[in-house]
């Protein structure tokens, strides 16, 4: 009885390159499943209190508006208004 062929890699490389060998796709947000719980808890709070640039600008604008309105408030208070009667 003849020996059987144990292994061949013939044509496999050409077949693989026919559509191109591509890099594996990766997730933008990798799964946190199986990660350290203490680390994940800290990560949650750090994300919660991390204010992005646009939010920081909005908060700064709000603070400036409030300060401006506080400066205007004393000027806007009505003083004694005299009533003038109009003669017909």
C-alpha atoms as a PDB file:
ATOM      1  CA  UNK A   1       0.000   0.000   0.000  1.00  0.00           C
ATOM      2  CA  UNK A   2       1.314   3.466  -0.970  1.00  0.00           C
ATOM      3  CA  UNK A   3       1.923   6.115   1.641  1.00  0.00           C
ATOM      4  CA  UNK A   4      -0.667   8.902   1.781  1.00  0.00           C
ATOM      5  CA  UNK A   5       0.239  12.586   1.511  1.00  0.00           C
ATOM      6  CA  UNK A   6       0.513  14.147   4.970  1.00  0.00           C
ATOM      7  CA  UNK A   7       0.574  17.901   4.199  1.00  0.00           C
ATOM      8  CA  UNK A   8       0.618  20.415   1.359  1.00  0.00           C
ATOM      9  CA  UNK A   9       0.330  24.198   1.229  1.00  0.00           C
ATOM     10  CA  UNK A  10       0.175  24.356  -2.556  1.00  0.00           C
ATOM     11  CA  UNK A  11      -1.755  27.365  -4.005  1.00  0.00           C
ATOM     12  CA  UNK A  12      -2.934  28.552  -0.575  1.00  0.00           C
ATOM     13  CA  UNK A  13      -0.715  31.654  -0.598  1.00  0.00           C
ATOM     14  CA  UNK A  14      -1.956  32.710  -4.051  1.00  0.00           C
ATOM     15  CA  UNK A  15      -5.577  32.195  -2.994  1.00  0.00           C
ATOM     16  CA  UNK A  16      -5.011  34.295   0.137  1.00  0.00           C
ATOM     17  CA  UNK A  17      -3.507  37.209  -1.807  1.00  0.00           C
ATOM     18  CA  UNK A  18      -6.154  37.157  -4.548  1.00  0.00           C
ATOM     19  CA  UNK A  19      -8.435  39.444  -2.473  1.00  0.00           C
ATOM     20  CA  UNK A  20      -5.539  40.902  -0.541  1.00  0.00           C
ATOM     21  CA  UNK A  21      -4.425  40.182   2.996  1.00  0.00           C
ATOM     22  CA  UNK A  22      -6.017  42.860   5.163  1.00  0.00           C
ATOM     23  CA  UNK A  23      -5.322  44.062   8.669  1.00  0.00           C
ATOM     24  CA  UNK A  24      -7.796  42.804  11.237  1.00  0.00           C
ATOM     25  CA  UNK A  25     -10.551  45.285  12.063  1.00  0.00           C
ATOM     26  CA  UNK A  26     -10.583  46.594  15.589  1.00  0.00           C
ATOM     27  CA  UNK A  27     -13.347  48.121  17.691  1.00  0.00           C
ATOM     28  CA  UNK A  28     -13.213  51.820  18.551  1.00  0.00           C
ATOM     29  CA  UNK A  29     -14.566  50.999  21.981  1.00  0.00           C
ATOM     30  CA  UNK A  30     -13.178  47.651  23.057  1.00  0.00           C
ATOM     31  CA  UNK A  31     -15.315  45.569  25.354  1.00  0.00           C
ATOM     32  CA  UNK A  32     -14.815  46.031  29.084  1.00  0.00           C
ATOM     33  CA  UNK A  33     -16.081  42.538  29.743  1.00  0.00           C
ATOM     34  CA  UNK A  34     -13.686  40.704  32.034  1.00  0.00           C
ATOM     35  CA  UNK A  35     -11.746  43.837  33.022  1.00  0.00           C
ATOM     36  CA  UNK A  36     -10.814  44.669  36.595  1.00  0.00           C
ATOM     37  CA  UNK A  37     -13.924  46.005  38.423  1.00  0.00           C
ATOM     38  CA  UNK A  38     -11.932  48.532  40.454  1.00  0.00           C
ATOM     39  CA  UNK A  39     -10.426  49.957  37.282  1.00  0.00           C
ATOM     40  CA  UNK A  40     -13.836  50.152  35.564  1.00  0.00           C
ATOM     41  CA  UNK A  41     -15.351  51.990  38.513  1.00  0.00           C
ATOM     42  CA  UNK A  42     -12.553  54.555  38.413  1.00  0.00           C
ATOM     43  CA  UNK A  43     -12.932  54.826  34.627  1.00  0.00           C
ATOM     44  CA  UNK A  44     -16.644  55.599  34.993  1.00  0.00           C
ATOM     45  CA  UNK A  45     -15.994  58.494  37.380  1.00  0.00           C
ATOM     46  CA  UNK A  46     -13.104  59.851  35.311  1.00  0.00           C
ATOM     47  CA  UNK A  47     -15.320  59.923  32.202  1.00  0.00           C
ATOM     48  CA  UNK A  48     -18.143  61.526  34.167  1.00  0.00           C
ATOM     49  CA  UNK A  49     -15.990  64.408  35.412  1.00  0.00           C
ATOM     50  CA  UNK A  50     -13.940  64.875  32.250  1.00  0.00           C
ATOM     51  CA  UNK A  51     -15.415  67.954  30.579  1.00  0.00           C
ATOM     52  CA  UNK A  52     -14.755  68.277  26.855  1.00  0.00           C
ATOM     53  CA  UNK A  53     -13.550  71.498  25.222  1.00  0.00           C
ATOM     54  CA  UNK A  54     -16.947  72.544  23.865  1.00  0.00           C
ATOM     55  CA  UNK A  55     -18.600  72.005  27.223  1.00  0.00           C
ATOM     56  CA  UNK A  56     -15.844  74.014  28.919  1.00  0.00           C
ATOM     57  CA  UNK A  57     -16.426  76.922  26.529  1.00  0.00           C
ATOM     58  CA  UNK A  58     -20.179  76.806  27.145  1.00  0.00           C
ATOM     59  CA  UNK A  59     -19.652  76.827  30.902  1.00  0.00           C
ATOM     60  CA  UNK A  60     -17.209  79.729  30.628  1.00  0.00           C
ATOM     61  CA  UNK A  61     -19.711  81.709  28.528  1.00  0.00           C
ATOM     62  CA  UNK A  62     -22.446  81.063  31.086  1.00  0.00           C
ATOM     63  CA  UNK A  63     -20.221  82.301  33.902  1.00  0.00           C
ATOM     64  CA  UNK A  64     -19.353  85.457  31.959  1.00  0.00           C
ATOM     65  CA  UNK A  65     -23.039  86.156  31.264  1.00  0.00           C
ATOM     66  CA  UNK A  66     -23.920  85.701  34.920  1.00  0.00           C
ATOM     67  CA  UNK A  67     -21.174  88.096  36.013  1.00  0.00           C
ATOM     68  CA  UNK A  68     -22.310  90.648  33.437  1.00  0.00           C
ATOM     69  CA  UNK A  69     -25.929  90.399  34.603  1.00  0.00           C
ATOM     70  CA  UNK A  70     -24.865  90.794  38.234  1.00  0.00           C
ATOM     71  CA  UNK A  71     -23.076  94.029  37.330  1.00  0.00           C
ATOM     72  CA  UNK A  72     -26.181  95.318  35.523  1.00  0.00           C
ATOM     73  CA  UNK A  73     -28.619  94.361  38.287  1.00  0.00           C
ATOM     74  CA  UNK A  74     -28.099  97.459  40.523  1.00  0.00           C
ATOM     75  CA  UNK A  75     -28.554  99.765  37.521  1.00  0.00           C
ATOM     76  CA  UNK A  76     -31.786  98.055  36.514  1.00  0.00           C
ATOM     77  CA  UNK A  77     -33.458  98.536  39.892  1.00  0.00           C
ATOM     78  CA  UNK A  78     -36.197 101.122  39.591  1.00  0.00           C
ATOM     79  CA  UNK A  79     -35.841 104.232  41.732  1.00  0.00           C
ATOM     80  CA  UNK A  80     -38.714 106.457  42.837  1.00  0.00           C
ATOM     81  CA  UNK A  81     -40.810 107.115  39.772  1.00  0.00           C
ATOM     82  CA  UNK A  82     -42.754 110.362  39.779  1.00  0.00           C
ATOM     83  CA  UNK A  83     -46.145 110.248  38.147  1.00  0.00           C
ATOM     84  CA  UNK A  84     -46.921 113.182  35.941  1.00  0.00           C
ATOM     85  CA  UNK A  85     -50.526 114.029  35.180  1.00  0.00           C
ATOM     86  CA  UNK A  86     -51.216 115.105  31.654  1.00  0.00           C
ATOM     87  CA  UNK A  87     -53.674 117.998  31.358  1.00  0.00           C
ATOM     88  CA  UNK A  88     -56.301 117.675  28.607  1.00  0.00           C
END
